Amino acid sequence: MPPTMKPLNNAELRRFEARRDLAAELLESIRQMKAGKIRTVLIPAVAKR
């Protein structure tokens, strides 16, 4: 999470999740991967395992 963003409270999170279109998000992510527009994010604690 970027440092300028604050966590959502429960009500805000429910509203956010209710408006999401997961199918469209997944389709867009597949299109980006196929186009080579991906980034790898390494998390040190996970990378050690």
Protein backbone atom coordinates (compact mmCIF):
# COMPACT_ATOMS: atom_id res chain seq x y z
CA MET A 1 0.00 0.00 0.00
CA PRO A 2 1.46 3.41 -0.92
CA PRO A 3 2.34 5.52 2.13
CA THR A 4 -0.22 8.19 1.17
CA MET A 5 -3.14 5.73 1.29
CA LYS A 6 -4.91 4.95 4.52
CA PRO A 7 -6.56 1.59 5.12
CA LEU A 8 -10.29 1.38 4.45
CA ASN A 9 -12.64 0.86 7.35
CA ASN A 10 -15.09 -2.05 7.18
CA ALA A 11 -17.94 -0.07 5.61
CA GLU A 12 -15.67 1.47 2.97
CA LEU A 13 -14.16 -1.93 2.20
CA ARG A 14 -17.61 -3.48 1.72
CA ARG A 15 -18.63 -0.65 -0.66
CA PHE A 16 -15.36 -1.02 -2.60
CA GLU A 17 -15.75 -4.80 -2.93
CA ALA A 18 -19.40 -4.49 -3.97
CA ARG A 19 -18.47 -2.23 -6.91
CA ARG A 20 -15.57 -4.34 -8.17
CA ASP A 21 -15.80 -6.19 -11.46
CA LEU A 22 -13.42 -9.08 -10.83
CA ALA A 23 -13.92 -10.56 -14.29
CA ALA A 24 -12.87 -7.30 -15.93
CA GLU A 25 -9.88 -6.94 -13.60
CA LEU A 26 -8.71 -10.48 -14.39
CA LEU A 27 -9.17 -9.98 -18.12
CA GLU A 28 -7.18 -6.74 -17.99
CA SER A 29 -4.37 -8.40 -16.04
CA ILE A 30 -4.19 -11.22 -18.62
CA ARG A 31 -4.02 -8.65 -21.42
CA GLN A 32 -1.19 -6.83 -19.64
CA MET A 33 0.75 -10.06 -19.12
CA LYS A 34 0.36 -11.04 -22.77
CA ALA A 35 1.52 -7.55 -23.80
CA GLY A 36 4.59 -7.89 -21.58
CA LYS A 37 3.48 -5.13 -19.20
CA ILE A 38 4.26 -7.00 -16.02
CA ARG A 39 6.52 -6.24 -13.08
CA THR A 40 7.99 -8.60 -10.56
CA VAL A 41 7.82 -7.45 -6.97
CA LEU A 42 10.24 -9.17 -4.65
CA ILE A 43 9.43 -9.26 -0.97
CA PRO A 44 12.62 -10.00 1.01
CA ALA A 45 10.99 -12.19 3.65
CA VAL A 46 9.27 -14.31 1.01
CA ALA A 47 12.28 -14.42 -1.29
CA LYS A 48 14.39 -16.02 1.46
CA ARG A 49 12.07 -19.02 1.61
